[in-house]
């Protein structure tokens, strides 16, 4: 280990502790030559995880890319960045615990959608609009209707996303967008 300030290798560890997520060890180090302190993180080196895109391309899983998509979807919502970082960590840990080297992008998207729906409905709908590539307003309307009909925590696992709201006589109810 070299000091980032002077390049010397005479360094001592001042403090060691787990990082906030528990996935790394945070070490405070001090250079014995220049006296400056710096922080390093020690992580387990994991084999790469590849995401297989819809068109067949393979791309290495990227935490920053997933986090950036979630940040965009949750702009101006109540979601804290720490919640999004935790969500990304949970998804990556779930994928890596499967001991696989490739995962379809639709599986990653489904995991994000399931967790995001529980956190924030607006972020969920925004993320869905990109992930599902809505072809028209009708597809987006169906997703919004589904969220309204099944708020987070009330949706059964077997529910379909295209389920329509119906009145007592079985007629489809229109989506009330507060016009």
N, C-alpha and C. Protein backbone atom coordinates (compact mmCIF):
# COMPACT_ATOMS: atom_id res chain seq x y z
N UNK A 1 0.86 -1.17 0.00
CA UNK A 1 0.00 0.00 0.00
C UNK A 1 0.90 1.23 0.00
N UNK A 2 0.59 2.15 -0.90
CA UNK A 2 1.34 3.40 -0.99
C UNK A 2 0.49 4.56 -0.49
N UNK A 3 1.14 5.51 0.12
CA UNK A 3 0.46 6.72 0.56
C UNK A 3 0.03 7.50 -0.69
N UNK A 4 -1.24 7.92 -0.78
CA UNK A 4 -1.69 8.66 -1.96
C UNK A 4 -1.13 10.08 -2.03
N UNK A 5 -0.53 10.54 -0.94
CA UNK A 5 0.00 11.90 -0.90
C UNK A 5 1.48 11.97 -1.25
N UNK A 6 2.27 11.04 -0.68
CA UNK A 6 3.73 11.11 -0.91
C UNK A 6 4.29 9.88 -1.61
N UNK A 7 3.50 8.81 -1.73
CA UNK A 7 3.94 7.63 -2.44
C UNK A 7 4.77 6.66 -1.62
N UNK A 8 5.01 6.95 -0.37
CA UNK A 8 5.80 6.05 0.49
C UNK A 8 4.97 4.84 0.90
N UNK A 9 5.67 3.77 1.27
CA UNK A 9 4.98 2.54 1.66
C UNK A 9 5.01 2.28 3.16
N UNK A 10 5.60 3.20 3.93
CA UNK A 10 5.67 3.04 5.38
C UNK A 10 4.38 3.59 6.00
N UNK A 11 3.39 2.70 6.16
CA UNK A 11 2.04 3.12 6.57
C UNK A 11 1.57 2.24 7.72
N UNK A 12 0.79 2.82 8.64
CA UNK A 12 0.20 2.01 9.70
C UNK A 12 -1.32 2.16 9.68
N UNK A 13 -2.00 1.13 10.14
CA UNK A 13 -3.46 1.15 10.24
C UNK A 13 -3.81 1.75 11.60
N UNK A 14 -4.63 2.81 11.58
CA UNK A 14 -5.02 3.51 12.79
C UNK A 14 -6.33 2.95 13.34
N UNK A 15 -7.26 2.59 12.44
CA UNK A 15 -8.58 2.13 12.86
C UNK A 15 -9.15 1.21 11.80
N UNK A 16 -9.84 0.14 12.21
CA UNK A 16 -10.54 -0.78 11.29
C UNK A 16 -11.94 -1.01 11.80
N UNK A 17 -12.90 -1.00 10.88
CA UNK A 17 -14.29 -1.31 11.24
C UNK A 17 -15.05 -1.71 9.98
N UNK A 18 -16.20 -2.34 10.18
CA UNK A 18 -17.06 -2.69 9.04
C UNK A 18 -17.63 -1.43 8.43
N UNK A 19 -17.85 -1.45 7.12
CA UNK A 19 -18.51 -0.31 6.47
C UNK A 19 -19.98 -0.32 6.86
N UNK A 20 -20.71 0.71 6.42
CA UNK A 20 -22.12 0.84 6.77
C UNK A 20 -22.93 -0.37 6.31
N UNK A 21 -22.61 -0.91 5.13
CA UNK A 21 -23.38 -2.02 4.58
C UNK A 21 -22.87 -3.37 5.06
N UNK A 22 -21.70 -3.40 5.69
CA UNK A 22 -21.15 -4.66 6.16
C UNK A 22 -20.46 -5.46 5.07
N UNK A 23 -20.35 -4.90 3.88
CA UNK A 23 -19.77 -5.63 2.75
C UNK A 23 -18.29 -5.35 2.58
N UNK A 24 -17.75 -4.49 3.41
CA UNK A 24 -16.33 -4.14 3.29
C UNK A 24 -15.78 -3.78 4.66
N UNK A 25 -14.47 -3.75 4.74
CA UNK A 25 -13.81 -3.30 5.96
C UNK A 25 -13.21 -1.93 5.66
N UNK A 26 -13.56 -0.98 6.47
CA UNK A 26 -13.05 0.38 6.32
C UNK A 26 -11.83 0.53 7.22
N UNK A 27 -10.73 0.96 6.64
CA UNK A 27 -9.50 1.14 7.40
C UNK A 27 -9.00 2.58 7.29
N UNK A 28 -8.71 3.20 8.42
CA UNK A 28 -8.05 4.51 8.45
C UNK A 28 -6.57 4.23 8.56
N UNK A 29 -5.82 4.82 7.68
CA UNK A 29 -4.38 4.60 7.65
C UNK A 29 -3.65 5.93 7.81
N UNK A 30 -2.42 5.83 8.32
CA UNK A 30 -1.60 7.02 8.48
C UNK A 30 -0.21 6.73 7.92
N UNK A 31 0.26 7.66 7.09
CA UNK A 31 1.60 7.55 6.52
C UNK A 31 2.60 7.97 7.60
N UNK A 32 3.60 7.13 7.84
CA UNK A 32 4.59 7.43 8.87
C UNK A 32 5.64 8.43 8.38
N UNK A 33 5.65 8.71 7.08
CA UNK A 33 6.61 9.66 6.52
C UNK A 33 6.03 11.07 6.52
N UNK A 34 4.85 11.25 5.86
CA UNK A 34 4.27 12.60 5.75
C UNK A 34 3.23 12.91 6.83
N UNK A 35 2.76 11.86 7.54
CA UNK A 35 1.81 12.07 8.64
C UNK A 35 0.36 12.23 8.22
N UNK A 36 0.06 12.19 6.91
CA UNK A 36 -1.33 12.36 6.46
C UNK A 36 -2.09 11.06 6.61
N UNK A 37 -3.41 11.21 6.80
CA UNK A 37 -4.30 10.05 6.96
C UNK A 37 -5.18 9.89 5.74
N UNK A 38 -5.58 8.66 5.47
CA UNK A 38 -6.49 8.36 4.36
C UNK A 38 -7.27 7.09 4.69
N UNK A 39 -8.34 6.87 3.95
CA UNK A 39 -9.22 5.73 4.18
C UNK A 39 -9.13 4.76 3.02
N UNK A 40 -9.11 3.47 3.35
CA UNK A 40 -9.18 2.43 2.32
C UNK A 40 -10.32 1.49 2.66
N UNK A 41 -10.83 0.80 1.65
CA UNK A 41 -11.89 -0.20 1.84
C UNK A 41 -11.39 -1.52 1.31
N UNK A 42 -11.63 -2.56 2.07
CA UNK A 42 -11.22 -3.90 1.68
C UNK A 42 -12.48 -4.72 1.43
N UNK A 43 -12.61 -5.25 0.22
CA UNK A 43 -13.78 -6.05 -0.16
C UNK A 43 -13.33 -7.41 -0.66
N UNK A 44 -14.25 -8.35 -0.58
CA UNK A 44 -14.01 -9.65 -1.17
C UNK A 44 -14.14 -9.49 -2.68
N UNK A 45 -13.23 -10.04 -3.42
CA UNK A 45 -13.31 -9.97 -4.87
C UNK A 45 -14.27 -11.05 -5.35
N UNK A 46 -15.31 -10.62 -6.00
CA UNK A 46 -16.34 -11.56 -6.47
C UNK A 46 -16.23 -11.72 -7.98
N UNK A 47 -16.61 -12.90 -8.48
CA UNK A 47 -16.58 -13.08 -9.93
C UNK A 47 -17.60 -12.15 -10.59
N UNK A 48 -17.35 -11.74 -11.82
CA UNK A 48 -18.28 -10.82 -12.48
C UNK A 48 -19.66 -11.45 -12.70
N UNK A 49 -20.66 -10.62 -12.62
CA UNK A 49 -22.03 -11.03 -12.89
C UNK A 49 -22.48 -10.28 -14.14
N UNK A 50 -22.94 -11.02 -15.14
CA UNK A 50 -23.34 -10.40 -16.39
C UNK A 50 -24.86 -10.37 -16.52
N UNK A 51 -25.34 -9.25 -17.06
CA UNK A 51 -26.77 -9.08 -17.33
C UNK A 51 -26.96 -9.30 -18.82
N UNK A 52 -27.87 -10.22 -19.17
CA UNK A 52 -28.16 -10.52 -20.57
C UNK A 52 -29.34 -9.64 -20.99
N UNK A 53 -29.06 -8.73 -21.92
CA UNK A 53 -30.07 -7.77 -22.38
C UNK A 53 -31.08 -8.46 -23.30
N UNK A 54 -32.18 -7.75 -23.60
CA UNK A 54 -33.23 -8.28 -24.47
C UNK A 54 -32.71 -8.68 -25.84
N UNK A 55 -31.73 -7.92 -26.35
CA UNK A 55 -31.20 -8.21 -27.69
C UNK A 55 -30.07 -9.23 -27.66
N UNK A 56 -29.78 -9.82 -26.49
CA UNK A 56 -28.76 -10.86 -26.39
C UNK A 56 -27.39 -10.37 -25.97
N UNK A 57 -27.18 -9.05 -25.95
CA UNK A 57 -25.89 -8.53 -25.50
C UNK A 57 -25.69 -8.84 -24.03
N UNK A 58 -24.43 -8.99 -23.64
CA UNK A 58 -24.08 -9.21 -22.24
C UNK A 58 -23.32 -8.00 -21.74
N UNK A 59 -23.70 -7.58 -20.54
CA UNK A 59 -23.10 -6.39 -19.94
C UNK A 59 -22.83 -6.71 -18.48
N UNK A 60 -21.68 -6.31 -17.98
CA UNK A 60 -21.38 -6.58 -16.58
C UNK A 60 -22.36 -5.81 -15.69
N UNK A 61 -22.85 -6.48 -14.62
CA UNK A 61 -23.76 -5.84 -13.69
C UNK A 61 -23.09 -4.61 -13.11
N UNK A 62 -23.81 -3.50 -13.10
CA UNK A 62 -23.25 -2.24 -12.63
C UNK A 62 -24.15 -1.64 -11.56
N UNK A 63 -23.65 -1.63 -10.34
CA UNK A 63 -24.40 -1.00 -9.24
C UNK A 63 -24.66 0.47 -9.55
N UNK A 64 -23.64 1.22 -10.01
CA UNK A 64 -23.89 2.64 -10.29
C UNK A 64 -24.96 2.85 -11.36
N UNK A 65 -25.01 1.99 -12.37
CA UNK A 65 -26.01 2.14 -13.43
C UNK A 65 -27.41 1.90 -12.88
N UNK A 66 -27.57 0.85 -12.07
CA UNK A 66 -28.87 0.57 -11.48
C UNK A 66 -29.28 1.69 -10.53
N UNK A 67 -28.34 2.15 -9.72
CA UNK A 67 -28.63 3.24 -8.78
C UNK A 67 -29.03 4.51 -9.52
N UNK A 68 -28.35 4.81 -10.62
CA UNK A 68 -28.68 6.02 -11.37
C UNK A 68 -30.09 5.94 -11.95
N UNK A 69 -30.51 4.76 -12.43
CA UNK A 69 -31.88 4.60 -12.92
C UNK A 69 -32.90 4.80 -11.81
N UNK A 70 -32.58 4.30 -10.63
CA UNK A 70 -33.48 4.46 -9.49
C UNK A 70 -33.53 5.92 -9.02
N UNK A 71 -32.41 6.59 -9.06
CA UNK A 71 -32.37 8.01 -8.67
C UNK A 71 -33.25 8.82 -9.63
N UNK A 72 -33.14 8.54 -10.92
CA UNK A 72 -33.97 9.24 -11.91
C UNK A 72 -35.45 8.99 -11.66
N UNK A 73 -35.80 7.74 -11.38
CA UNK A 73 -37.21 7.38 -11.16
C UNK A 73 -37.76 7.99 -9.87
N UNK A 74 -36.89 8.26 -8.92
CA UNK A 74 -37.37 8.74 -7.62
C UNK A 74 -37.14 10.22 -7.38
N UNK A 75 -36.78 10.96 -8.43
CA UNK A 75 -36.60 12.41 -8.26
C UNK A 75 -37.89 13.04 -7.74
N UNK A 76 -37.73 13.95 -6.80
CA UNK A 76 -38.84 14.69 -6.21
C UNK A 76 -39.86 13.77 -5.53
N UNK A 77 -39.38 12.65 -4.98
CA UNK A 77 -40.24 11.78 -4.17
C UNK A 77 -39.66 11.76 -2.77
N UNK A 78 -40.30 11.05 -1.89
CA UNK A 78 -39.87 11.00 -0.49
C UNK A 78 -38.74 9.99 -0.26
N UNK A 79 -38.32 9.28 -1.31
CA UNK A 79 -37.29 8.25 -1.15
C UNK A 79 -35.92 8.86 -0.88
N UNK A 80 -35.29 8.42 0.18
CA UNK A 80 -33.94 8.89 0.53
C UNK A 80 -32.91 8.11 -0.29
N UNK A 81 -31.82 8.74 -0.66
CA UNK A 81 -30.77 8.04 -1.40
C UNK A 81 -30.27 6.78 -0.68
N UNK A 82 -30.26 6.82 0.65
CA UNK A 82 -29.81 5.64 1.41
C UNK A 82 -30.74 4.45 1.18
N UNK A 83 -32.06 4.71 1.02
CA UNK A 83 -33.00 3.63 0.71
C UNK A 83 -32.70 3.01 -0.65
N UNK A 84 -32.35 3.87 -1.61
CA UNK A 84 -32.05 3.38 -2.95
C UNK A 84 -30.77 2.57 -2.96
N UNK A 85 -29.77 3.03 -2.22
CA UNK A 85 -28.51 2.29 -2.14
C UNK A 85 -28.73 0.94 -1.48
N UNK A 86 -29.56 0.90 -0.46
CA UNK A 86 -29.88 -0.36 0.20
C UNK A 86 -30.62 -1.30 -0.75
N UNK A 87 -31.55 -0.75 -1.52
CA UNK A 87 -32.29 -1.55 -2.50
C UNK A 87 -31.34 -2.17 -3.52
N UNK A 88 -30.39 -1.39 -4.02
CA UNK A 88 -29.41 -1.90 -4.99
C UNK A 88 -28.56 -2.99 -4.35
N UNK A 89 -28.13 -2.78 -3.11
CA UNK A 89 -27.33 -3.79 -2.41
C UNK A 89 -28.12 -5.08 -2.22
N UNK A 90 -29.40 -4.96 -1.85
CA UNK A 90 -30.25 -6.15 -1.67
C UNK A 90 -30.38 -6.93 -2.97
N UNK A 91 -30.59 -6.22 -4.06
CA UNK A 91 -30.75 -6.88 -5.35
C UNK A 91 -29.46 -7.57 -5.77
N UNK A 92 -28.35 -6.87 -5.63
CA UNK A 92 -27.07 -7.48 -6.01
C UNK A 92 -26.78 -8.71 -5.14
N UNK A 93 -27.02 -8.60 -3.84
CA UNK A 93 -26.78 -9.73 -2.94
C UNK A 93 -27.68 -10.92 -3.29
N UNK A 94 -28.94 -10.64 -3.61
CA UNK A 94 -29.87 -11.71 -3.99
C UNK A 94 -29.40 -12.40 -5.27
N UNK A 95 -28.93 -11.62 -6.23
CA UNK A 95 -28.45 -12.20 -7.48
C UNK A 95 -27.18 -13.02 -7.25
N UNK A 96 -26.24 -12.47 -6.50
CA UNK A 96 -24.97 -13.17 -6.26
C UNK A 96 -25.16 -14.42 -5.40
N UNK A 97 -26.17 -14.42 -4.53
CA UNK A 97 -26.41 -15.59 -3.69
C UNK A 97 -26.92 -16.78 -4.50
N UNK A 98 -27.36 -16.53 -5.73
CA UNK A 98 -27.82 -17.61 -6.61
C UNK A 98 -26.65 -18.35 -7.25
N UNK A 99 -25.44 -17.85 -7.04
CA UNK A 99 -24.23 -18.46 -7.62
C UNK A 99 -24.34 -18.65 -9.12
N UNK A 100 -24.75 -17.59 -9.80
CA UNK A 100 -24.86 -17.61 -11.26
C UNK A 100 -23.89 -16.57 -11.83
N UNK A 101 -23.56 -16.73 -13.10
CA UNK A 101 -22.67 -15.75 -13.73
C UNK A 101 -23.44 -14.84 -14.68
N UNK A 102 -24.65 -15.26 -15.08
CA UNK A 102 -25.48 -14.45 -15.97
C UNK A 102 -26.91 -14.41 -15.46
N UNK A 103 -27.54 -13.27 -15.67
CA UNK A 103 -28.94 -13.10 -15.26
C UNK A 103 -29.64 -12.29 -16.34
N UNK A 104 -30.85 -12.69 -16.73
CA UNK A 104 -31.59 -11.90 -17.73
C UNK A 104 -31.97 -10.53 -17.17
N UNK A 105 -31.92 -9.51 -18.00
CA UNK A 105 -32.26 -8.16 -17.56
C UNK A 105 -33.69 -8.10 -17.05
N UNK A 106 -34.58 -8.90 -17.61
CA UNK A 106 -35.98 -8.89 -17.15
C UNK A 106 -36.10 -9.36 -15.70
N UNK A 107 -35.19 -10.27 -15.28
CA UNK A 107 -35.22 -10.72 -13.88
C UNK A 107 -34.76 -9.61 -12.94
N UNK A 108 -33.71 -8.90 -13.35
CA UNK A 108 -33.23 -7.77 -12.54
C UNK A 108 -34.35 -6.72 -12.45
N UNK A 109 -34.97 -6.42 -13.59
CA UNK A 109 -36.05 -5.44 -13.62
C UNK A 109 -37.22 -5.84 -12.74
N UNK A 110 -37.57 -7.12 -12.78
CA UNK A 110 -38.69 -7.61 -11.96
C UNK A 110 -38.38 -7.47 -10.48
N UNK A 111 -37.12 -7.74 -10.11
CA UNK A 111 -36.72 -7.60 -8.70
C UNK A 111 -36.81 -6.14 -8.27
N UNK A 112 -36.36 -5.25 -9.13
CA UNK A 112 -36.40 -3.81 -8.83
C UNK A 112 -37.86 -3.37 -8.68
N UNK A 113 -38.68 -3.78 -9.65
CA UNK A 113 -40.09 -3.37 -9.64
C UNK A 113 -40.79 -3.83 -8.36
N UNK A 114 -40.56 -5.08 -7.97
CA UNK A 114 -41.23 -5.61 -6.78
C UNK A 114 -40.85 -4.81 -5.53
N UNK A 115 -39.57 -4.49 -5.39
CA UNK A 115 -39.12 -3.76 -4.20
C UNK A 115 -39.52 -2.28 -4.27
N UNK A 116 -39.43 -1.70 -5.46
CA UNK A 116 -39.74 -0.28 -5.61
C UNK A 116 -41.22 -0.01 -5.38
N UNK A 117 -42.06 -0.94 -5.77
CA UNK A 117 -43.50 -0.78 -5.57
C UNK A 117 -43.83 -0.63 -4.09
N UNK A 118 -43.10 -1.35 -3.24
CA UNK A 118 -43.32 -1.27 -1.80
C UNK A 118 -42.81 0.04 -1.21
N UNK A 119 -41.83 0.66 -1.87
CA UNK A 119 -41.23 1.88 -1.33
C UNK A 119 -41.95 3.16 -1.75
N UNK A 120 -42.28 3.27 -3.05
CA UNK A 120 -42.88 4.51 -3.54
C UNK A 120 -43.59 4.25 -4.87
N UNK A 121 -44.89 4.57 -4.90
CA UNK A 121 -45.70 4.29 -6.09
C UNK A 121 -45.28 5.13 -7.30
N UNK A 122 -44.95 6.38 -7.08
CA UNK A 122 -44.56 7.26 -8.20
C UNK A 122 -43.25 6.77 -8.81
N UNK A 123 -42.27 6.47 -7.97
CA UNK A 123 -40.99 5.95 -8.48
C UNK A 123 -41.22 4.64 -9.22
N UNK A 124 -42.14 3.83 -8.70
CA UNK A 124 -42.46 2.55 -9.35
C UNK A 124 -43.01 2.79 -10.76
N UNK A 125 -43.95 3.71 -10.89
CA UNK A 125 -44.55 3.98 -12.20
C UNK A 125 -43.53 4.58 -13.16
N UNK A 126 -42.69 5.48 -12.66
CA UNK A 126 -41.65 6.05 -13.53
C UNK A 126 -40.67 4.98 -13.99
N UNK A 127 -40.24 4.13 -13.07
CA UNK A 127 -39.30 3.06 -13.44
C UNK A 127 -39.98 2.11 -14.43
N UNK A 128 -41.24 1.79 -14.18
CA UNK A 128 -41.98 0.88 -15.07
C UNK A 128 -42.08 1.45 -16.47
N UNK A 129 -42.24 2.76 -16.59
CA UNK A 129 -42.39 3.37 -17.92
C UNK A 129 -41.14 3.16 -18.77
N UNK A 130 -39.97 3.10 -18.14
CA UNK A 130 -38.73 2.85 -18.87
C UNK A 130 -38.51 1.35 -19.02
N UNK A 131 -38.65 0.61 -17.92
CA UNK A 131 -38.37 -0.83 -17.92
C UNK A 131 -39.31 -1.59 -18.85
N UNK A 132 -40.58 -1.25 -18.82
CA UNK A 132 -41.55 -1.96 -19.66
C UNK A 132 -41.71 -1.35 -21.04
N UNK A 133 -41.09 -0.23 -21.30
CA UNK A 133 -41.16 0.46 -22.60
C UNK A 133 -42.60 0.54 -23.09
N UNK A 134 -43.42 1.25 -22.35
CA UNK A 134 -44.83 1.40 -22.73
C UNK A 134 -44.94 1.87 -24.17
N UNK A 135 -45.80 1.23 -24.93
CA UNK A 135 -45.99 1.59 -26.33
C UNK A 135 -46.97 2.75 -26.50
N UNK A 136 -47.88 2.87 -25.53
CA UNK A 136 -48.87 3.95 -25.60
C UNK A 136 -49.38 4.27 -24.20
N UNK A 137 -50.23 5.27 -24.13
CA UNK A 137 -50.77 5.72 -22.85
C UNK A 137 -51.64 4.64 -22.20
N UNK A 138 -52.24 3.79 -23.01
CA UNK A 138 -53.11 2.74 -22.48
C UNK A 138 -52.32 1.76 -21.60
N UNK A 139 -51.11 1.42 -22.03
CA UNK A 139 -50.28 0.51 -21.22
C UNK A 139 -49.90 1.16 -19.90
N UNK A 140 -49.58 2.45 -19.95
CA UNK A 140 -49.24 3.15 -18.72
C UNK A 140 -50.48 3.25 -17.82
N UNK A 141 -51.61 3.50 -18.42
CA UNK A 141 -52.86 3.58 -17.67
C UNK A 141 -53.13 2.28 -16.93
N UNK A 142 -52.88 1.14 -17.59
CA UNK A 142 -53.11 -0.16 -16.95
C UNK A 142 -52.22 -0.32 -15.72
N UNK A 143 -50.99 0.14 -15.80
CA UNK A 143 -50.08 0.05 -14.66
C UNK A 143 -50.56 0.96 -13.53
N UNK A 144 -50.98 2.16 -13.87
CA UNK A 144 -51.48 3.09 -12.85
C UNK A 144 -52.74 2.53 -12.20
N UNK A 145 -53.64 1.99 -13.00
CA UNK A 145 -54.86 1.39 -12.46
C UNK A 145 -54.54 0.24 -11.51
N UNK A 146 -53.54 -0.55 -11.87
CA UNK A 146 -53.15 -1.67 -11.03
C UNK A 146 -52.61 -1.17 -9.69
N UNK A 147 -51.80 -0.12 -9.70
CA UNK A 147 -51.27 0.44 -8.46
C UNK A 147 -52.41 0.99 -7.60
N UNK A 148 -53.37 1.67 -8.24
CA UNK A 148 -54.50 2.22 -7.49
C UNK A 148 -55.39 1.12 -6.92
N UNK A 149 -55.57 0.06 -7.69
CA UNK A 149 -56.43 -1.04 -7.24
C UNK A 149 -55.75 -1.89 -6.17
N UNK A 150 -54.44 -1.94 -6.20
CA UNK A 150 -53.69 -2.79 -5.28
C UNK A 150 -52.53 -2.00 -4.67
N UNK A 151 -52.82 -1.14 -3.70
CA UNK A 151 -51.74 -0.37 -3.06
C UNK A 151 -50.69 -1.30 -2.47
N UNK A 152 -49.47 -0.79 -2.29
CA UNK A 152 -48.41 -1.63 -1.72
C UNK A 152 -48.86 -2.34 -0.46
N UNK A 153 -48.52 -3.60 -0.37
CA UNK A 153 -48.86 -4.40 0.80
C UNK A 153 -50.20 -5.09 0.70
N UNK A 154 -51.02 -4.76 -0.32
CA UNK A 154 -52.33 -5.39 -0.44
C UNK A 154 -52.43 -6.28 -1.67
N UNK A 155 -51.45 -6.22 -2.55
CA UNK A 155 -51.50 -6.96 -3.80
C UNK A 155 -51.10 -8.42 -3.56
N UNK A 156 -51.97 -9.37 -3.95
CA UNK A 156 -51.59 -10.77 -3.82
C UNK A 156 -50.50 -11.10 -4.86
N UNK A 157 -49.63 -12.05 -4.53
CA UNK A 157 -48.52 -12.41 -5.42
C UNK A 157 -49.01 -12.90 -6.78
N UNK A 158 -50.20 -13.47 -6.83
CA UNK A 158 -50.69 -14.03 -8.08
C UNK A 158 -51.42 -13.01 -8.94
N UNK A 159 -51.56 -11.78 -8.46
CA UNK A 159 -52.30 -10.76 -9.22
C UNK A 159 -51.57 -10.43 -10.52
N UNK A 160 -52.32 -10.20 -11.57
CA UNK A 160 -51.74 -9.82 -12.85
C UNK A 160 -51.73 -8.31 -12.96
N UNK A 161 -50.74 -7.78 -13.64
CA UNK A 161 -50.61 -6.33 -13.74
C UNK A 161 -51.67 -5.71 -14.63
N UNK A 162 -52.36 -6.49 -15.48
CA UNK A 162 -53.36 -5.96 -16.39
C UNK A 162 -54.77 -5.98 -15.80
N UNK A 163 -54.92 -6.35 -14.53
CA UNK A 163 -56.24 -6.46 -13.92
C UNK A 163 -56.95 -5.11 -13.96
N UNK A 164 -58.20 -5.10 -14.36
CA UNK A 164 -58.99 -3.88 -14.48
C UNK A 164 -59.90 -3.73 -13.26
N UNK A 165 -60.16 -2.50 -12.87
CA UNK A 165 -61.11 -2.23 -11.79
C UNK A 165 -62.51 -2.31 -12.37
N UNK A 166 -63.41 -2.94 -11.63
CA UNK A 166 -64.77 -3.14 -12.13
C UNK A 166 -65.78 -2.67 -11.07
N UNK A 167 -66.95 -2.22 -11.57
CA UNK A 167 -68.00 -1.82 -10.63
C UNK A 167 -68.79 -3.06 -10.22
N UNK A 168 -69.88 -2.86 -9.45
CA UNK A 168 -70.65 -3.99 -8.92
C UNK A 168 -71.33 -4.80 -10.02
N UNK A 169 -71.53 -4.20 -11.20
CA UNK A 169 -72.16 -4.92 -12.31
C UNK A 169 -71.14 -5.49 -13.28
N UNK A 170 -69.85 -5.41 -12.93
CA UNK A 170 -68.82 -6.02 -13.76
C UNK A 170 -68.28 -5.13 -14.87
N UNK A 171 -68.76 -3.87 -14.97
CA UNK A 171 -68.25 -2.96 -16.00
C UNK A 171 -66.91 -2.38 -15.56
N UNK A 172 -66.02 -2.17 -16.53
CA UNK A 172 -64.72 -1.62 -16.23
C UNK A 172 -64.85 -0.16 -15.80
N UNK A 173 -64.19 0.19 -14.70
CA UNK A 173 -64.21 1.56 -14.21
C UNK A 173 -63.11 2.37 -14.89
N UNK A 174 -63.40 3.61 -15.24
CA UNK A 174 -62.35 4.45 -15.85
C UNK A 174 -61.35 4.90 -14.79
N UNK A 175 -60.16 5.21 -15.24
CA UNK A 175 -59.13 5.71 -14.35
C UNK A 175 -59.43 7.17 -14.05
N UNK A 176 -59.55 7.50 -12.76
CA UNK A 176 -59.82 8.88 -12.37
C UNK A 176 -58.49 9.55 -12.09
N UNK A 177 -58.07 10.41 -13.01
CA UNK A 177 -56.80 11.12 -12.83
C UNK A 177 -57.01 12.51 -12.26
N UNK A 178 -58.19 12.77 -11.73
CA UNK A 178 -58.47 14.05 -11.08
C UNK A 178 -58.60 15.21 -12.03
N UNK A 179 -59.20 14.98 -13.19
CA UNK A 179 -59.36 16.03 -14.20
C UNK A 179 -60.34 17.07 -13.76
